[in-house]
């Protein structure tokens, strides 16, 4: 991670395979820490503004087989999100 920050969109765990668009939040993650998502948390990312970032992702060997649903927000809900960095105070 080398101190390079990154962004992640998340929505709370739920019974549905797709998130509710109004429940999606984006977070700016400092590049010197790890995060743990609750089981079932919908997420999109990581997203980077740097040209290259070394990234760690710990998951089960079969995660992309047993726990992966693709959701195209534009196609499924007619919405798109743009994550903007807050302006410094």
N, C-alpha and C. Protein backbone atom coordinates (compact mmCIF):
# COMPACT_ATOMS: atom_id res chain seq x y z
N UNK A 1 0.82 -1.18 0.00
CA UNK A 1 0.00 0.00 0.00
C UNK A 1 0.86 1.25 0.00
N UNK A 2 2.03 1.17 0.59
CA UNK A 2 3.04 2.21 0.47
C UNK A 2 2.53 3.60 0.82
N UNK A 3 1.53 3.70 1.69
CA UNK A 3 1.01 4.99 2.09
C UNK A 3 0.11 5.66 1.07
N UNK A 4 -0.26 4.96 0.02
CA UNK A 4 -1.11 5.55 -1.02
C UNK A 4 -2.58 5.29 -0.67
N UNK A 5 -3.33 6.35 -0.60
CA UNK A 5 -4.74 6.24 -0.22
C UNK A 5 -5.57 5.63 -1.33
N UNK A 6 -6.78 5.20 -0.98
CA UNK A 6 -7.66 4.57 -1.95
C UNK A 6 -9.11 4.79 -1.55
N UNK A 7 -10.02 4.43 -2.42
CA UNK A 7 -11.45 4.66 -2.20
C UNK A 7 -12.21 3.34 -2.32
N UNK A 8 -13.31 3.23 -1.57
CA UNK A 8 -14.12 2.02 -1.60
C UNK A 8 -15.58 2.41 -1.43
N UNK A 9 -16.44 1.86 -2.28
CA UNK A 9 -17.88 2.03 -2.14
C UNK A 9 -18.45 0.80 -1.46
N UNK A 10 -19.34 1.00 -0.48
CA UNK A 10 -19.93 -0.11 0.25
C UNK A 10 -21.41 0.13 0.48
N UNK A 11 -22.13 -0.98 0.70
CA UNK A 11 -23.53 -0.94 1.14
C UNK A 11 -23.69 -2.03 2.18
N UNK A 12 -24.60 -1.84 3.13
CA UNK A 12 -24.77 -2.80 4.22
C UNK A 12 -25.13 -4.21 3.72
N UNK A 13 -24.74 -5.22 4.50
CA UNK A 13 -25.15 -6.59 4.16
C UNK A 13 -26.67 -6.68 4.15
N UNK A 14 -27.18 -7.55 3.31
CA UNK A 14 -28.62 -7.75 3.25
C UNK A 14 -28.95 -9.03 2.52
N UNK A 15 -30.22 -9.32 2.42
CA UNK A 15 -30.67 -10.54 1.76
C UNK A 15 -30.56 -10.44 0.23
N UNK A 16 -30.72 -9.23 -0.31
CA UNK A 16 -30.69 -9.05 -1.76
C UNK A 16 -29.26 -9.16 -2.29
N UNK A 17 -29.13 -9.62 -3.53
CA UNK A 17 -27.82 -9.72 -4.16
C UNK A 17 -27.31 -8.37 -4.64
N UNK A 18 -28.21 -7.41 -4.81
CA UNK A 18 -27.83 -6.09 -5.30
C UNK A 18 -28.08 -5.06 -4.21
N UNK A 19 -27.23 -4.05 -4.14
CA UNK A 19 -27.41 -3.02 -3.10
C UNK A 19 -28.54 -2.07 -3.44
N UNK A 20 -29.08 -1.43 -2.43
CA UNK A 20 -30.00 -0.33 -2.65
C UNK A 20 -29.14 0.90 -2.93
N UNK A 21 -29.31 1.56 -4.07
CA UNK A 21 -28.43 2.69 -4.41
C UNK A 21 -28.36 3.76 -3.33
N UNK A 22 -29.47 4.03 -2.63
CA UNK A 22 -29.43 5.08 -1.60
C UNK A 22 -28.69 4.65 -0.34
N UNK A 23 -28.30 3.39 -0.25
CA UNK A 23 -27.53 2.91 0.90
C UNK A 23 -26.02 2.85 0.61
N UNK A 24 -25.62 3.13 -0.63
CA UNK A 24 -24.20 3.06 -0.98
C UNK A 24 -23.48 4.30 -0.46
N UNK A 25 -22.34 4.07 0.18
CA UNK A 25 -21.49 5.15 0.65
C UNK A 25 -20.07 4.90 0.18
N UNK A 26 -19.34 5.95 -0.07
CA UNK A 26 -17.94 5.83 -0.47
C UNK A 26 -17.06 6.33 0.67
N UNK A 27 -15.93 5.66 0.84
CA UNK A 27 -15.00 6.02 1.90
C UNK A 27 -13.60 6.21 1.33
N UNK A 28 -12.92 7.20 1.88
CA UNK A 28 -11.53 7.47 1.56
C UNK A 28 -10.71 6.75 2.62
N UNK A 29 -9.89 5.78 2.19
CA UNK A 29 -9.12 4.95 3.11
C UNK A 29 -7.65 5.41 3.07
N UNK A 30 -7.09 5.77 4.22
CA UNK A 30 -5.67 6.13 4.24
C UNK A 30 -4.81 4.95 3.80
N UNK A 31 -3.70 5.23 3.18
CA UNK A 31 -2.85 4.20 2.63
C UNK A 31 -1.96 3.48 3.62
N UNK A 32 -2.20 3.69 4.90
CA UNK A 32 -1.38 3.02 5.90
C UNK A 32 -2.21 2.11 6.80
N UNK A 33 -3.38 1.67 6.31
CA UNK A 33 -4.22 0.81 7.15
C UNK A 33 -4.97 -0.21 6.29
N UNK A 34 -5.48 -1.21 6.96
CA UNK A 34 -6.33 -2.22 6.35
C UNK A 34 -7.75 -2.04 6.87
N UNK A 35 -8.72 -2.55 6.15
CA UNK A 35 -10.10 -2.57 6.64
C UNK A 35 -10.62 -4.00 6.54
N UNK A 36 -11.64 -4.29 7.34
CA UNK A 36 -12.32 -5.58 7.27
C UNK A 36 -13.79 -5.30 7.03
N UNK A 37 -14.34 -5.95 6.01
CA UNK A 37 -15.76 -5.79 5.72
C UNK A 37 -16.55 -6.89 6.43
N UNK A 38 -17.73 -6.54 6.92
CA UNK A 38 -18.62 -7.52 7.51
C UNK A 38 -19.05 -8.52 6.44
N UNK A 39 -19.27 -9.75 6.82
CA UNK A 39 -19.70 -10.78 5.87
C UNK A 39 -20.95 -10.28 5.14
N UNK A 40 -20.96 -10.40 3.83
CA UNK A 40 -22.12 -10.01 3.03
C UNK A 40 -22.14 -8.55 2.61
N UNK A 41 -21.14 -7.77 3.00
CA UNK A 41 -21.10 -6.35 2.63
C UNK A 41 -20.88 -6.22 1.13
N UNK A 42 -21.79 -5.51 0.46
CA UNK A 42 -21.60 -5.23 -0.96
C UNK A 42 -20.50 -4.18 -1.06
N UNK A 43 -19.61 -4.35 -2.03
CA UNK A 43 -18.54 -3.36 -2.18
C UNK A 43 -18.12 -3.25 -3.64
N UNK A 44 -17.64 -2.07 -3.96
CA UNK A 44 -17.10 -1.78 -5.29
C UNK A 44 -15.77 -1.08 -5.08
N UNK A 45 -14.78 -1.57 -5.73
CA UNK A 45 -13.44 -1.00 -5.57
C UNK A 45 -12.49 -2.10 -5.17
N UNK A 46 -11.31 -1.78 -4.85
CA UNK A 46 -10.80 -0.45 -4.53
C UNK A 46 -10.59 0.41 -5.76
N UNK A 47 -10.69 1.71 -5.56
CA UNK A 47 -10.40 2.69 -6.60
C UNK A 47 -9.21 3.52 -6.15
N UNK A 48 -8.35 3.84 -7.11
CA UNK A 48 -7.14 4.60 -6.82
C UNK A 48 -7.06 5.80 -7.73
N UNK A 49 -6.46 6.86 -7.23
CA UNK A 49 -6.15 8.00 -8.09
C UNK A 49 -4.68 8.01 -8.48
N UNK A 50 -3.90 7.13 -7.87
CA UNK A 50 -2.48 7.00 -8.19
C UNK A 50 -2.32 6.13 -9.43
N UNK A 51 -1.20 6.29 -10.12
CA UNK A 51 -0.95 5.49 -11.32
C UNK A 51 -0.81 4.01 -10.99
N UNK A 52 -0.22 3.68 -9.85
CA UNK A 52 0.00 2.29 -9.46
C UNK A 52 -0.04 2.19 -7.95
N UNK A 53 -0.75 1.18 -7.44
CA UNK A 53 -0.79 0.92 -6.01
C UNK A 53 -0.70 -0.57 -5.79
N UNK A 54 0.22 -1.00 -4.94
CA UNK A 54 0.25 -2.40 -4.52
C UNK A 54 -0.83 -2.57 -3.47
N UNK A 55 -1.67 -3.60 -3.64
CA UNK A 55 -2.85 -3.73 -2.80
C UNK A 55 -2.96 -5.15 -2.27
N UNK A 56 -3.41 -5.28 -1.02
CA UNK A 56 -3.64 -6.58 -0.40
C UNK A 56 -5.13 -6.86 -0.36
N UNK A 57 -5.50 -8.09 -0.70
CA UNK A 57 -6.90 -8.50 -0.63
C UNK A 57 -6.93 -9.93 -0.11
N UNK A 58 -7.39 -10.11 1.10
CA UNK A 58 -7.47 -11.44 1.69
C UNK A 58 -8.88 -11.96 1.52
N UNK A 59 -8.99 -13.13 0.91
CA UNK A 59 -10.30 -13.75 0.72
C UNK A 59 -10.12 -15.25 0.64
N UNK A 60 -11.23 -15.97 0.69
CA UNK A 60 -11.18 -17.42 0.60
C UNK A 60 -10.80 -17.85 -0.82
N UNK A 61 -10.30 -19.05 -0.96
CA UNK A 61 -9.87 -19.54 -2.27
C UNK A 61 -11.02 -19.62 -3.27
N UNK A 62 -12.27 -19.76 -2.78
CA UNK A 62 -13.41 -19.87 -3.69
C UNK A 62 -14.35 -18.66 -3.63
N UNK A 63 -13.86 -17.53 -3.12
CA UNK A 63 -14.71 -16.35 -2.98
C UNK A 63 -15.37 -15.94 -4.29
N UNK A 64 -14.63 -15.90 -5.37
CA UNK A 64 -15.21 -15.47 -6.65
C UNK A 64 -16.15 -16.50 -7.27
N UNK A 65 -16.25 -17.67 -6.66
CA UNK A 65 -17.17 -18.70 -7.14
C UNK A 65 -18.44 -18.69 -6.30
N UNK A 66 -18.30 -18.68 -4.97
CA UNK A 66 -19.46 -18.81 -4.09
C UNK A 66 -19.98 -17.48 -3.56
N UNK A 67 -19.24 -16.41 -3.73
CA UNK A 67 -19.64 -15.13 -3.15
C UNK A 67 -19.30 -13.98 -4.09
N UNK A 68 -19.87 -14.02 -5.27
CA UNK A 68 -19.59 -12.95 -6.23
C UNK A 68 -20.83 -12.71 -7.08
N UNK A 69 -21.39 -11.52 -6.97
CA UNK A 69 -22.50 -11.11 -7.82
C UNK A 69 -22.14 -9.76 -8.43
N UNK A 70 -22.23 -9.68 -9.74
CA UNK A 70 -21.95 -8.42 -10.42
C UNK A 70 -23.21 -7.58 -10.46
N UNK A 71 -23.07 -6.30 -10.17
CA UNK A 71 -24.20 -5.38 -10.23
C UNK A 71 -23.76 -4.16 -11.04
N UNK A 72 -24.37 -3.98 -12.19
CA UNK A 72 -24.11 -2.79 -13.01
C UNK A 72 -25.15 -1.75 -12.59
N UNK A 73 -24.73 -0.78 -11.79
CA UNK A 73 -25.67 0.18 -11.24
C UNK A 73 -26.40 0.98 -12.31
N UNK A 74 -25.70 1.33 -13.38
CA UNK A 74 -26.34 2.09 -14.47
C UNK A 74 -27.40 1.25 -15.16
N UNK A 75 -27.09 -0.01 -15.41
CA UNK A 75 -28.03 -0.90 -16.11
C UNK A 75 -29.17 -1.34 -15.19
N UNK A 76 -28.84 -1.71 -13.96
CA UNK A 76 -29.85 -2.26 -13.06
C UNK A 76 -30.74 -1.21 -12.42
N UNK A 77 -30.19 -0.01 -12.15
CA UNK A 77 -30.95 1.01 -11.43
C UNK A 77 -31.01 2.35 -12.15
N UNK A 78 -30.26 2.49 -13.25
CA UNK A 78 -30.24 3.76 -13.97
C UNK A 78 -29.50 4.85 -13.22
N UNK A 79 -28.52 4.47 -12.39
CA UNK A 79 -27.75 5.46 -11.63
C UNK A 79 -26.26 5.26 -11.85
N UNK A 80 -25.53 6.33 -11.72
CA UNK A 80 -24.06 6.32 -11.73
C UNK A 80 -23.59 7.18 -10.58
N UNK A 81 -22.44 6.85 -10.05
CA UNK A 81 -21.86 7.60 -8.94
C UNK A 81 -20.52 8.17 -9.36
N UNK A 82 -20.24 9.36 -8.87
CA UNK A 82 -18.93 9.95 -9.04
C UNK A 82 -18.41 10.27 -7.64
N UNK A 83 -17.26 9.73 -7.33
CA UNK A 83 -16.67 9.96 -6.01
C UNK A 83 -15.76 11.17 -6.13
N UNK A 84 -16.03 12.19 -5.34
CA UNK A 84 -15.23 13.40 -5.36
C UNK A 84 -14.54 13.55 -4.01
N UNK A 85 -13.26 13.88 -4.07
CA UNK A 85 -12.52 14.13 -2.86
C UNK A 85 -13.00 15.45 -2.25
N UNK A 86 -13.15 15.48 -0.92
CA UNK A 86 -13.54 16.75 -0.30
C UNK A 86 -12.42 17.77 -0.43
N UNK A 87 -12.81 19.02 -0.51
CA UNK A 87 -11.83 20.10 -0.58
C UNK A 87 -11.24 20.31 0.81
N UNK A 88 -9.93 20.56 0.87
CA UNK A 88 -9.31 20.82 2.18
C UNK A 88 -9.93 22.02 2.86
N UNK A 89 -10.03 21.93 4.18
CA UNK A 89 -10.64 23.04 4.95
C UNK A 89 -9.69 24.21 5.07
